[in-house]
């Protein structure tokens, strides 16, 4: 009889331990933190498509919205000829006050906490059209974190971060980073986590 009672008790304990629950355990619950409610957007200017590819990868791995800046007057191959001192891009980059017009701006920048801003490096800094974007939206960018990133054949970020900080003094501009066109999604995700 003692054996039967002990066996029944053991069976009851085992069956109770295997009962599924409808609610997750406390360890499985994801806490709501201010960071999990942060909203980000990736804004990019890409003349040839290389930076666009990196920006789209970044938007995907961070779950950010995506917006591509397009010039009101598109750049032609001749405009982008950096070896010609009279080409449109050369003339623009030679004049620090130049602000090329943008066809359309993102409508709701004030809704975001973090704005990743991507561009190719032109003449060792951000293209003038990025200056147009930052300067035109300085008020909406106040209190936001701006994170520059770039692609380049070999040049670094130069003074890009400092330049953007001057154009949006009420924003916090992070130190930018240059990426190869082939940067992996994993590397982008690891870098973006700090913001």
N, C-alpha and C. Protein backbone atom coordinates (compact mmCIF):
# COMPACT_ATOMS: atom_id res chain seq x y z
N UNK A 1 0.83 -1.19 0.00
CA UNK A 1 0.00 0.00 0.00
C UNK A 1 0.88 1.26 0.00
N UNK A 2 1.96 1.24 0.84
CA UNK A 2 2.87 2.39 0.86
C UNK A 2 3.48 2.61 -0.52
N UNK A 3 3.82 1.49 -1.20
CA UNK A 3 4.39 1.60 -2.56
C UNK A 3 3.39 2.23 -3.51
N UNK A 4 2.12 1.85 -3.47
CA UNK A 4 1.08 2.39 -4.35
C UNK A 4 0.86 3.87 -4.09
N UNK A 5 0.84 4.24 -2.82
CA UNK A 5 0.66 5.64 -2.46
C UNK A 5 1.84 6.49 -2.92
N UNK A 6 3.04 5.98 -2.75
CA UNK A 6 4.24 6.70 -3.19
C UNK A 6 4.27 6.83 -4.70
N UNK A 7 3.89 5.79 -5.43
CA UNK A 7 3.87 5.83 -6.90
C UNK A 7 2.83 6.84 -7.39
N UNK A 8 1.66 6.87 -6.76
CA UNK A 8 0.61 7.81 -7.15
C UNK A 8 1.06 9.24 -6.91
N UNK A 9 1.71 9.48 -5.77
CA UNK A 9 2.20 10.81 -5.44
C UNK A 9 3.28 11.26 -6.44
N UNK A 10 4.19 10.37 -6.80
CA UNK A 10 5.24 10.68 -7.78
C UNK A 10 4.63 11.00 -9.14
N UNK A 11 3.62 10.25 -9.55
CA UNK A 11 2.94 10.48 -10.83
C UNK A 11 2.26 11.84 -10.84
N UNK A 12 1.63 12.21 -9.72
CA UNK A 12 0.96 13.50 -9.61
C UNK A 12 1.97 14.65 -9.72
N UNK A 13 3.11 14.52 -9.05
CA UNK A 13 4.15 15.56 -9.10
C UNK A 13 4.69 15.72 -10.51
N UNK A 14 4.95 14.60 -11.18
CA UNK A 14 5.48 14.65 -12.55
C UNK A 14 4.47 15.29 -13.49
N UNK A 15 3.21 14.93 -13.39
CA UNK A 15 2.21 15.47 -14.31
C UNK A 15 1.98 16.95 -14.07
N UNK A 16 2.06 17.42 -12.82
CA UNK A 16 1.92 18.85 -12.52
C UNK A 16 3.09 19.65 -13.09
N UNK A 17 4.25 19.07 -13.03
CA UNK A 17 5.44 19.76 -13.52
C UNK A 17 5.39 19.94 -15.03
N UNK A 18 4.64 19.10 -15.74
CA UNK A 18 4.60 19.17 -17.20
C UNK A 18 3.43 19.98 -17.72
N UNK A 19 2.59 20.56 -16.83
CA UNK A 19 1.43 21.32 -17.28
C UNK A 19 1.88 22.62 -17.95
N UNK A 20 1.39 22.91 -19.16
CA UNK A 20 1.78 24.16 -19.80
C UNK A 20 1.07 25.34 -19.13
N UNK A 21 1.67 26.50 -19.26
CA UNK A 21 1.04 27.70 -18.73
C UNK A 21 0.69 28.62 -19.89
N UNK A 22 -0.31 29.46 -19.68
CA UNK A 22 -0.73 30.37 -20.74
C UNK A 22 0.08 31.67 -20.72
N UNK A 23 0.68 32.00 -19.59
CA UNK A 23 1.42 33.25 -19.52
C UNK A 23 2.92 32.95 -19.48
N UNK A 24 3.71 33.83 -20.05
CA UNK A 24 5.16 33.60 -20.05
C UNK A 24 5.71 33.77 -18.65
N UNK A 25 6.83 33.13 -18.42
CA UNK A 25 7.50 33.29 -17.13
C UNK A 25 8.05 34.71 -17.04
N UNK A 26 8.28 35.22 -15.84
CA UNK A 26 8.82 36.58 -15.72
C UNK A 26 10.10 36.78 -16.52
N UNK A 27 10.93 35.75 -16.62
CA UNK A 27 12.20 35.88 -17.36
C UNK A 27 11.96 36.05 -18.85
N UNK A 28 10.82 35.54 -19.35
CA UNK A 28 10.54 35.61 -20.78
C UNK A 28 9.85 36.91 -21.16
N UNK A 29 9.43 37.70 -20.18
CA UNK A 29 8.75 38.95 -20.47
C UNK A 29 9.77 40.02 -20.84
N UNK A 30 9.54 40.72 -21.94
CA UNK A 30 10.44 41.79 -22.34
C UNK A 30 10.03 43.06 -21.64
N UNK A 31 10.90 43.64 -20.84
CA UNK A 31 10.52 44.87 -20.15
C UNK A 31 10.43 46.02 -21.13
N UNK A 32 9.55 46.95 -20.83
CA UNK A 32 9.45 48.15 -21.64
C UNK A 32 10.41 49.17 -21.07
N UNK A 33 11.37 49.56 -21.86
CA UNK A 33 12.34 50.55 -21.42
C UNK A 33 12.26 51.73 -22.37
N UNK A 34 12.76 52.88 -21.95
CA UNK A 34 12.75 54.01 -22.87
C UNK A 34 13.44 53.68 -24.19
N UNK A 35 14.51 52.86 -24.13
CA UNK A 35 15.23 52.52 -25.35
C UNK A 35 14.37 51.73 -26.32
N UNK A 36 13.48 50.86 -25.79
CA UNK A 36 12.66 50.05 -26.69
C UNK A 36 11.59 50.88 -27.37
N UNK A 37 11.33 52.09 -26.84
CA UNK A 37 10.33 52.96 -27.45
C UNK A 37 10.96 54.01 -28.36
N UNK A 38 12.27 53.97 -28.51
CA UNK A 38 12.96 54.94 -29.36
C UNK A 38 12.57 54.71 -30.81
N UNK A 39 12.41 55.80 -31.54
CA UNK A 39 12.03 55.70 -32.94
C UNK A 39 13.16 56.29 -33.78
N UNK A 40 13.57 55.56 -34.81
CA UNK A 40 14.70 56.00 -35.64
C UNK A 40 14.32 56.02 -37.11
N UNK A 41 15.05 56.84 -37.86
CA UNK A 41 14.89 56.90 -39.31
C UNK A 41 16.28 56.96 -39.93
N UNK A 42 16.43 56.32 -41.07
CA UNK A 42 17.65 56.40 -41.85
C UNK A 42 17.36 57.31 -43.03
N UNK A 43 18.06 58.42 -43.11
CA UNK A 43 17.92 59.38 -44.21
C UNK A 43 19.22 59.32 -45.00
N UNK A 44 19.11 59.16 -46.31
CA UNK A 44 20.32 58.96 -47.11
C UNK A 44 20.29 59.77 -48.40
N UNK A 45 21.46 60.26 -48.77
CA UNK A 45 21.67 60.78 -50.12
C UNK A 45 22.68 59.85 -50.77
N UNK A 46 22.34 59.38 -51.97
CA UNK A 46 23.23 58.45 -52.67
C UNK A 46 23.20 58.80 -54.16
N UNK A 47 24.32 59.28 -54.66
CA UNK A 47 24.38 59.69 -56.06
C UNK A 47 24.46 58.50 -57.01
N UNK A 48 25.11 57.43 -56.58
CA UNK A 48 25.32 56.28 -57.48
C UNK A 48 24.68 54.99 -56.99
N UNK A 49 24.09 55.01 -55.80
CA UNK A 49 23.42 53.82 -55.28
C UNK A 49 24.22 53.04 -54.25
N UNK A 50 25.51 53.31 -54.12
CA UNK A 50 26.34 52.57 -53.17
C UNK A 50 25.91 52.86 -51.73
N UNK A 51 25.79 54.13 -51.39
CA UNK A 51 25.39 54.48 -50.02
C UNK A 51 23.96 54.04 -49.73
N UNK A 52 23.11 54.10 -50.74
CA UNK A 52 21.72 53.64 -50.58
C UNK A 52 21.67 52.18 -50.12
N UNK A 53 22.53 51.35 -50.69
CA UNK A 53 22.56 49.93 -50.31
C UNK A 53 22.91 49.74 -48.85
N UNK A 54 23.91 50.48 -48.37
CA UNK A 54 24.30 50.40 -46.96
C UNK A 54 23.16 50.93 -46.09
N UNK A 55 22.55 52.03 -46.50
CA UNK A 55 21.47 52.65 -45.72
C UNK A 55 20.26 51.71 -45.60
N UNK A 56 19.92 51.04 -46.67
CA UNK A 56 18.78 50.11 -46.61
C UNK A 56 19.08 48.94 -45.67
N UNK A 57 20.32 48.45 -45.72
CA UNK A 57 20.72 47.38 -44.80
C UNK A 57 20.62 47.86 -43.35
N UNK A 58 21.08 49.08 -43.10
CA UNK A 58 21.01 49.65 -41.76
C UNK A 58 19.57 49.80 -41.29
N UNK A 59 18.70 50.30 -42.16
CA UNK A 59 17.29 50.46 -41.80
C UNK A 59 16.66 49.12 -41.46
N UNK A 60 17.01 48.09 -42.21
CA UNK A 60 16.45 46.76 -41.96
C UNK A 60 16.90 46.20 -40.62
N UNK A 61 18.19 46.27 -40.33
CA UNK A 61 18.70 45.65 -39.09
C UNK A 61 18.31 46.43 -37.84
N UNK A 62 18.02 47.72 -37.99
CA UNK A 62 17.63 48.53 -36.83
C UNK A 62 16.12 48.69 -36.71
N UNK A 63 15.38 48.24 -37.73
CA UNK A 63 13.93 48.43 -37.72
C UNK A 63 13.54 49.89 -37.89
N UNK A 64 14.41 50.67 -38.51
CA UNK A 64 14.17 52.11 -38.70
C UNK A 64 13.37 52.37 -39.96
N UNK A 65 12.72 53.52 -39.99
CA UNK A 65 12.11 54.00 -41.23
C UNK A 65 13.23 54.41 -42.18
N UNK A 66 12.87 54.59 -43.45
CA UNK A 66 13.88 54.89 -44.48
C UNK A 66 13.38 56.03 -45.34
N UNK A 67 14.27 56.98 -45.65
CA UNK A 67 13.92 58.08 -46.56
C UNK A 67 15.15 58.44 -47.38
N UNK A 68 14.96 58.50 -48.70
CA UNK A 68 16.08 58.88 -49.57
C UNK A 68 15.92 60.32 -50.03
N UNK A 69 16.94 61.13 -49.79
CA UNK A 69 16.97 62.50 -50.26
C UNK A 69 17.33 62.51 -51.74
N UNK A 70 16.54 63.21 -52.52
CA UNK A 70 16.84 63.33 -53.95
C UNK A 70 16.96 64.80 -54.31
N UNK A 71 17.99 65.14 -55.06
CA UNK A 71 18.14 66.55 -55.45
C UNK A 71 17.01 67.00 -56.37
N UNK A 72 16.62 68.25 -56.25
CA UNK A 72 15.58 68.79 -57.13
C UNK A 72 16.03 68.68 -58.59
N UNK A 73 17.30 68.87 -58.83
CA UNK A 73 17.89 68.67 -60.16
C UNK A 73 18.82 67.46 -60.04
N UNK A 74 18.43 66.32 -60.60
CA UNK A 74 19.26 65.11 -60.46
C UNK A 74 20.68 65.32 -61.01
N UNK A 75 21.62 64.62 -60.42
CA UNK A 75 23.01 64.68 -60.86
C UNK A 75 23.21 63.76 -62.05
N UNK A 76 23.89 64.27 -63.07
CA UNK A 76 24.27 63.45 -64.22
C UNK A 76 25.68 62.90 -63.97
N UNK A 77 26.11 62.00 -64.82
CA UNK A 77 27.48 61.48 -64.71
C UNK A 77 28.49 62.62 -64.86
N UNK A 78 28.20 63.55 -65.77
CA UNK A 78 29.10 64.70 -65.97
C UNK A 78 29.13 65.58 -64.72
N UNK A 79 27.99 65.73 -64.05
CA UNK A 79 27.93 66.52 -62.81
C UNK A 79 28.82 65.93 -61.72
N UNK A 80 28.96 64.60 -61.73
CA UNK A 80 29.70 63.91 -60.68
C UNK A 80 31.18 63.71 -60.99
N UNK A 81 31.65 64.25 -62.10
CA UNK A 81 33.04 64.07 -62.51
C UNK A 81 33.96 64.93 -61.64
N UNK A 82 34.52 64.29 -60.61
CA UNK A 82 35.34 65.03 -59.66
C UNK A 82 36.68 65.48 -60.26
N UNK A 83 37.06 64.91 -61.41
CA UNK A 83 38.31 65.33 -62.05
C UNK A 83 38.14 66.62 -62.84
N UNK A 84 36.89 67.03 -63.07
CA UNK A 84 36.60 68.26 -63.79
C UNK A 84 36.26 69.36 -62.78
N UNK A 85 37.10 70.35 -62.66
CA UNK A 85 36.89 71.42 -61.68
C UNK A 85 35.67 72.27 -61.99
N UNK A 86 35.12 72.13 -63.19
CA UNK A 86 33.93 72.88 -63.56
C UNK A 86 32.65 72.05 -63.45
N UNK A 87 32.78 70.79 -63.05
CA UNK A 87 31.56 69.96 -62.92
C UNK A 87 30.71 70.50 -61.78
N UNK A 88 29.42 70.19 -61.85
CA UNK A 88 28.49 70.70 -60.84
C UNK A 88 28.91 70.33 -59.42
N UNK A 89 29.29 69.08 -59.20
CA UNK A 89 29.66 68.66 -57.84
C UNK A 89 30.93 69.37 -57.38
N UNK A 90 31.88 69.58 -58.29
CA UNK A 90 33.12 70.28 -57.94
C UNK A 90 32.84 71.72 -57.54
N UNK A 91 31.98 72.38 -58.31
CA UNK A 91 31.63 73.78 -58.02
C UNK A 91 30.90 73.87 -56.68
N UNK A 92 29.94 72.95 -56.45
CA UNK A 92 29.19 72.95 -55.19
C UNK A 92 30.10 72.74 -53.99
N UNK A 93 30.99 71.79 -54.10
CA UNK A 93 31.84 71.45 -52.96
C UNK A 93 32.93 72.50 -52.71
N UNK A 94 33.22 73.30 -53.71
CA UNK A 94 34.21 74.37 -53.58
C UNK A 94 33.63 75.58 -52.86
N UNK A 95 32.29 75.63 -52.76
CA UNK A 95 31.60 76.75 -52.13
C UNK A 95 30.88 76.24 -50.88
N UNK A 96 31.43 76.48 -49.70
CA UNK A 96 30.87 75.96 -48.46
C UNK A 96 29.48 76.50 -48.15
N UNK A 97 29.08 77.59 -48.81
CA UNK A 97 27.75 78.14 -48.58
C UNK A 97 26.71 77.56 -49.54
N UNK A 98 27.15 76.72 -50.46
CA UNK A 98 26.23 76.14 -51.45
C UNK A 98 25.21 75.23 -50.76
N UNK A 99 23.95 75.35 -51.15
CA UNK A 99 22.88 74.52 -50.59
C UNK A 99 22.01 74.02 -51.75
N UNK A 100 22.37 72.91 -52.38
CA UNK A 100 21.57 72.37 -53.48
C UNK A 100 20.15 72.04 -53.01
N UNK A 101 19.19 72.35 -53.85
CA UNK A 101 17.78 72.12 -53.49
C UNK A 101 17.47 70.62 -53.44
N UNK A 102 16.59 70.26 -52.51
CA UNK A 102 16.14 68.88 -52.35
C UNK A 102 14.70 68.78 -52.83
N UNK A 103 14.39 67.75 -53.60
CA UNK A 103 13.05 67.59 -54.18
C UNK A 103 11.97 67.44 -53.11
N UNK A 104 12.25 66.65 -52.07
CA UNK A 104 11.27 66.41 -51.01
C UNK A 104 12.00 66.10 -49.72
N UNK A 105 11.47 66.64 -48.63
CA UNK A 105 12.04 66.39 -47.30
C UNK A 105 11.16 65.39 -46.55
N UNK A 106 11.73 64.65 -45.60
CA UNK A 106 10.88 63.82 -44.74
C UNK A 106 9.93 64.72 -43.97
N UNK A 107 8.68 64.33 -43.88
CA UNK A 107 7.65 65.21 -43.33
C UNK A 107 7.61 65.23 -41.81
N UNK A 108 8.12 64.23 -41.14
CA UNK A 108 7.86 64.08 -39.71
C UNK A 108 9.12 63.85 -38.87
N UNK A 109 10.16 64.59 -39.13
CA UNK A 109 11.41 64.38 -38.40
C UNK A 109 11.26 64.57 -36.89
N UNK A 110 10.34 65.42 -36.48
CA UNK A 110 10.13 65.67 -35.05
C UNK A 110 9.66 64.42 -34.32
N UNK A 111 9.14 63.43 -35.05
CA UNK A 111 8.64 62.19 -34.44
C UNK A 111 9.76 61.21 -34.07
N UNK A 112 10.98 61.48 -34.51
CA UNK A 112 12.08 60.53 -34.32
C UNK A 112 13.03 60.98 -33.21
N UNK A 113 13.62 60.00 -32.54
CA UNK A 113 14.62 60.27 -31.52
C UNK A 113 16.03 60.26 -32.12
N UNK A 114 16.23 59.33 -33.08
CA UNK A 114 17.55 59.14 -33.69
C UNK A 114 17.40 59.23 -35.20
N UNK A 115 18.26 60.03 -35.82
CA UNK A 115 18.27 60.19 -37.27
C UNK A 115 19.64 59.77 -37.77
N UNK A 116 19.70 58.61 -38.43
CA UNK A 116 20.92 58.18 -39.09
C UNK A 116 20.98 58.91 -40.43
N UNK A 117 22.08 59.58 -40.73
CA UNK A 117 22.22 60.35 -41.96
C UNK A 117 23.38 59.78 -42.76
N UNK A 118 23.05 59.22 -43.93
CA UNK A 118 24.06 58.58 -44.77
C UNK A 118 24.37 59.36 -46.03
N UNK A 119 25.62 59.27 -46.44
CA UNK A 119 26.05 60.01 -47.64
C UNK A 119 27.39 59.46 -48.11
N UNK A 120 27.73 59.71 -49.38
CA UNK A 120 29.09 59.41 -49.84
C UNK A 120 30.01 60.55 -49.40
N UNK A 121 31.28 60.26 -49.23
CA UNK A 121 32.24 61.32 -48.92
C UNK A 121 32.65 61.99 -50.23
N UNK A 122 32.44 63.30 -50.27
CA UNK A 122 32.87 64.09 -51.42
C UNK A 122 33.89 65.11 -50.92
N UNK A 123 35.04 65.14 -51.51
CA UNK A 123 36.06 66.13 -51.16
C UNK A 123 36.31 66.12 -49.64
N UNK A 124 36.40 64.94 -49.07
CA UNK A 124 36.77 64.73 -47.67
C UNK A 124 35.73 65.19 -46.65
N UNK A 125 34.47 65.33 -47.11
CA UNK A 125 33.40 65.72 -46.18
C UNK A 125 32.05 65.31 -46.76
N UNK A 126 30.99 65.72 -46.07
CA UNK A 126 29.63 65.43 -46.54
C UNK A 126 29.30 66.27 -47.77
N UNK A 127 28.49 65.75 -48.70
CA UNK A 127 28.07 66.56 -49.85
C UNK A 127 27.23 67.76 -49.39
N UNK A 128 27.26 68.82 -50.17
CA UNK A 128 26.54 70.04 -49.81
C UNK A 128 25.04 69.81 -49.66
N UNK A 129 24.49 68.83 -50.36
CA UNK A 129 23.06 68.55 -50.25
C UNK A 129 22.70 68.06 -48.84
N UNK A 130 23.64 67.44 -48.16
CA UNK A 130 23.43 67.04 -46.75
C UNK A 130 23.38 68.28 -45.88
N UNK A 131 24.20 69.27 -46.20
CA UNK A 131 24.15 70.55 -45.47
C UNK A 131 22.76 71.18 -45.64
N UNK A 132 22.21 71.10 -46.85
CA UNK A 132 20.86 71.62 -47.09
C UNK A 132 19.86 70.93 -46.17
N UNK A 133 19.94 69.61 -46.12
CA UNK A 133 19.00 68.84 -45.31
C UNK A 133 19.10 69.19 -43.83
N UNK A 134 20.30 69.20 -43.28
CA UNK A 134 20.49 69.46 -41.86
C UNK A 134 20.09 70.90 -41.51
N UNK A 135 20.58 71.85 -42.28
CA UNK A 135 20.31 73.26 -41.99
C UNK A 135 18.82 73.58 -42.13
N UNK A 136 18.18 73.03 -43.14
CA UNK A 136 16.75 73.29 -43.37
C UNK A 136 15.87 72.68 -42.28
N UNK A 137 16.36 71.66 -41.61
CA UNK A 137 15.57 70.96 -40.58
C UNK A 137 16.13 71.14 -39.18
N UNK A 138 16.98 72.14 -38.98
CA UNK A 138 17.65 72.33 -37.69
C UNK A 138 16.65 72.42 -36.54
N UNK A 139 15.54 73.09 -36.74
CA UNK A 139 14.55 73.23 -35.66
C UNK A 139 13.92 71.88 -35.31
N UNK A 140 13.54 71.10 -36.32
CA UNK A 140 12.94 69.78 -36.08
C UNK A 140 13.94 68.81 -35.48
N UNK A 141 15.23 69.04 -35.71
CA UNK A 141 16.28 68.14 -35.20
C UNK A 141 16.74 68.50 -33.79
N UNK A 142 16.25 69.58 -33.24
CA UNK A 142 16.64 70.00 -31.90
C UNK A 142 16.31 68.90 -30.89
N UNK A 143 17.28 68.55 -30.06
CA UNK A 143 17.09 67.52 -29.05
C UNK A 143 17.22 66.10 -29.57
N UNK A 144 17.43 65.93 -30.85
CA UNK A 144 17.55 64.60 -31.46
C UNK A 144 19.02 64.19 -31.51
N UNK A 145 19.23 62.89 -31.72
CA UNK A 145 20.58 62.39 -31.96
C UNK A 145 20.75 62.15 -33.45
N UNK A 146 21.73 62.80 -34.04
CA UNK A 146 22.04 62.63 -35.46
C UNK A 146 23.28 61.75 -35.55
N UNK A 147 23.17 60.68 -36.32
CA UNK A 147 24.28 59.74 -36.44
C UNK A 147 24.72 59.68 -37.90
N UNK A 148 25.81 60.35 -38.26
CA UNK A 148 26.29 60.32 -39.64
C UNK A 148 26.98 59.00 -39.96
N UNK A 149 26.82 58.54 -41.19
CA UNK A 149 27.60 57.40 -41.68
C UNK A 149 27.83 57.64 -43.16
N UNK A 150 28.88 57.04 -43.68
CA UNK A 150 29.26 57.34 -45.06
C UNK A 150 29.89 56.15 -45.74
N UNK A 151 29.94 56.25 -47.06
CA UNK A 151 30.72 55.32 -47.87
C UNK A 151 31.77 56.15 -48.61
N UNK A 152 32.86 55.50 -48.95
CA UNK A 152 33.94 56.20 -49.62
C UNK A 152 34.90 55.19 -50.22
N UNK A 153 35.57 55.62 -51.26
CA UNK A 153 36.58 54.77 -51.85
C UNK A 153 37.84 54.69 -51.01
N UNK A 154 37.96 55.52 -50.00
CA UNK A 154 39.16 55.49 -49.16
C UNK A 154 39.24 56.65 -48.19
N UNK A 155 38.56 57.74 -48.46
CA UNK A 155 38.61 58.89 -47.56
C UNK A 155 37.81 58.63 -46.30
N UNK A 156 38.27 59.22 -45.19
CA UNK A 156 37.54 59.12 -43.93
C UNK A 156 36.42 60.14 -43.87
N UNK A 157 35.83 60.30 -42.68
CA UNK A 157 34.70 61.21 -42.49
C UNK A 157 35.12 62.68 -42.48
N UNK A 158 36.40 62.94 -42.32
CA UNK A 158 36.86 64.33 -42.28
C UNK A 158 36.16 65.09 -41.16
N UNK A 159 35.71 66.30 -41.47
CA UNK A 159 35.03 67.15 -40.48
C UNK A 159 33.52 67.03 -40.56
N UNK A 160 33.01 65.98 -41.18
CA UNK A 160 31.57 65.88 -41.41
C UNK A 160 30.75 66.02 -40.14
N UNK A 161 31.10 65.30 -39.09
CA UNK A 161 30.32 65.37 -37.85
C UNK A 161 30.33 66.77 -37.26
N UNK A 162 31.49 67.39 -37.24
CA UNK A 162 31.59 68.76 -36.72
C UNK A 162 30.80 69.74 -37.59
N UNK A 163 30.84 69.54 -38.89
CA UNK A 163 30.08 70.41 -39.79
C UNK A 163 28.59 70.31 -39.51
N UNK A 164 28.09 69.08 -39.34
CA UNK A 164 26.66 68.89 -39.10
C UNK A 164 26.26 69.47 -37.74
N UNK A 165 27.15 69.36 -36.76
CA UNK A 165 26.84 69.93 -35.44
C UNK A 165 26.67 71.44 -35.52
N UNK A 166 27.49 72.10 -36.33
CA UNK A 166 27.37 73.55 -36.51
C UNK A 166 26.04 73.92 -37.17
N UNK A 167 25.58 73.07 -38.09
CA UNK A 167 24.34 73.35 -38.82
C UNK A 167 23.09 73.04 -38.00
N UNK A 168 23.21 72.18 -36.99
CA UNK A 168 22.09 71.84 -36.11
C UNK A 168 22.59 71.90 -34.67
N UNK A 169 22.84 73.11 -34.14
CA UNK A 169 23.49 73.23 -32.84
C UNK A 169 22.68 72.69 -31.66
N UNK A 170 21.37 72.58 -31.82
CA UNK A 170 20.54 72.08 -30.71
C UNK A 170 20.36 70.57 -30.75
N UNK A 171 20.97 69.91 -31.73
CA UNK A 171 20.95 68.45 -31.82
C UNK A 171 22.25 67.91 -31.24
N UNK A 172 22.27 66.60 -31.00
CA UNK A 172 23.51 65.94 -30.58
C UNK A 172 24.00 65.14 -31.78
N UNK A 173 25.12 65.53 -32.34
CA UNK A 173 25.68 64.83 -33.51
C UNK A 173 26.77 63.87 -33.03
N UNK A 174 26.54 62.59 -33.28
CA UNK A 174 27.52 61.56 -32.89
C UNK A 174 28.71 61.59 -33.85
N UNK A 175 29.80 61.01 -33.42
CA UNK A 175 30.97 60.86 -34.30
C UNK A 175 30.59 59.90 -35.41
N UNK A 176 30.79 60.31 -36.65
CA UNK A 176 30.38 59.49 -37.78
C UNK A 176 31.32 58.33 -38.05
N UNK A 177 30.87 57.45 -38.91
CA UNK A 177 31.70 56.30 -39.28
C UNK A 177 31.56 56.00 -40.77
N UNK A 178 32.69 55.68 -41.38
CA UNK A 178 32.71 55.29 -42.80
C UNK A 178 32.63 53.78 -42.88
N UNK A 179 31.84 53.30 -43.85
CA UNK A 179 31.69 51.86 -44.08
C UNK A 179 32.05 51.52 -45.52
N UNK A 180 32.55 50.32 -45.71
CA UNK A 180 32.72 49.79 -47.06
C UNK A 180 31.34 49.46 -47.61
N UNK A 181 31.20 49.48 -48.92
CA UNK A 181 29.92 49.14 -49.54
C UNK A 181 29.46 47.74 -49.17
N UNK A 182 30.41 46.87 -48.88
CA UNK A 182 30.09 45.47 -48.59
C UNK A 182 29.90 45.20 -47.10
N UNK A 183 29.79 46.23 -46.26
CA UNK A 183 29.64 46.02 -44.82
C UNK A 183 28.46 45.08 -44.55
N UNK A 184 28.65 44.16 -43.62
CA UNK A 184 27.61 43.17 -43.33
C UNK A 184 26.52 43.76 -42.45
N UNK A 185 25.35 43.14 -42.52
CA UNK A 185 24.23 43.54 -41.67
C UNK A 185 24.60 43.38 -40.20
N UNK A 186 25.34 42.34 -39.87
CA UNK A 186 25.75 42.11 -38.48
C UNK A 186 26.64 43.23 -37.97
N UNK A 187 27.58 43.69 -38.80
CA UNK A 187 28.46 44.77 -38.39
C UNK A 187 27.68 46.08 -38.21
N UNK A 188 26.72 46.33 -39.10
CA UNK A 188 25.90 47.53 -38.98
C UNK A 188 25.05 47.48 -37.71
N UNK A 189 24.49 46.30 -37.42
CA UNK A 189 23.65 46.16 -36.23
C UNK A 189 24.48 46.38 -34.96
N UNK A 190 25.68 45.83 -34.93
CA UNK A 190 26.54 45.99 -33.75
C UNK A 190 26.91 47.45 -33.55
N UNK A 191 27.22 48.16 -34.63
CA UNK A 191 27.56 49.58 -34.54
C UNK A 191 26.36 50.41 -34.09
N UNK A 192 25.19 50.14 -34.65
CA UNK A 192 24.00 50.95 -34.37
C UNK A 192 23.50 50.80 -32.93
N UNK A 193 23.85 49.70 -32.26
CA UNK A 193 23.36 49.46 -30.90
C UNK A 193 23.78 50.54 -29.92
N UNK A 194 24.88 51.24 -30.20
CA UNK A 194 25.35 52.26 -29.26
C UNK A 194 24.49 53.52 -29.28
N UNK A 195 23.61 53.61 -30.27
CA UNK A 195 22.76 54.79 -30.38
C UNK A 195 21.34 54.44 -30.00
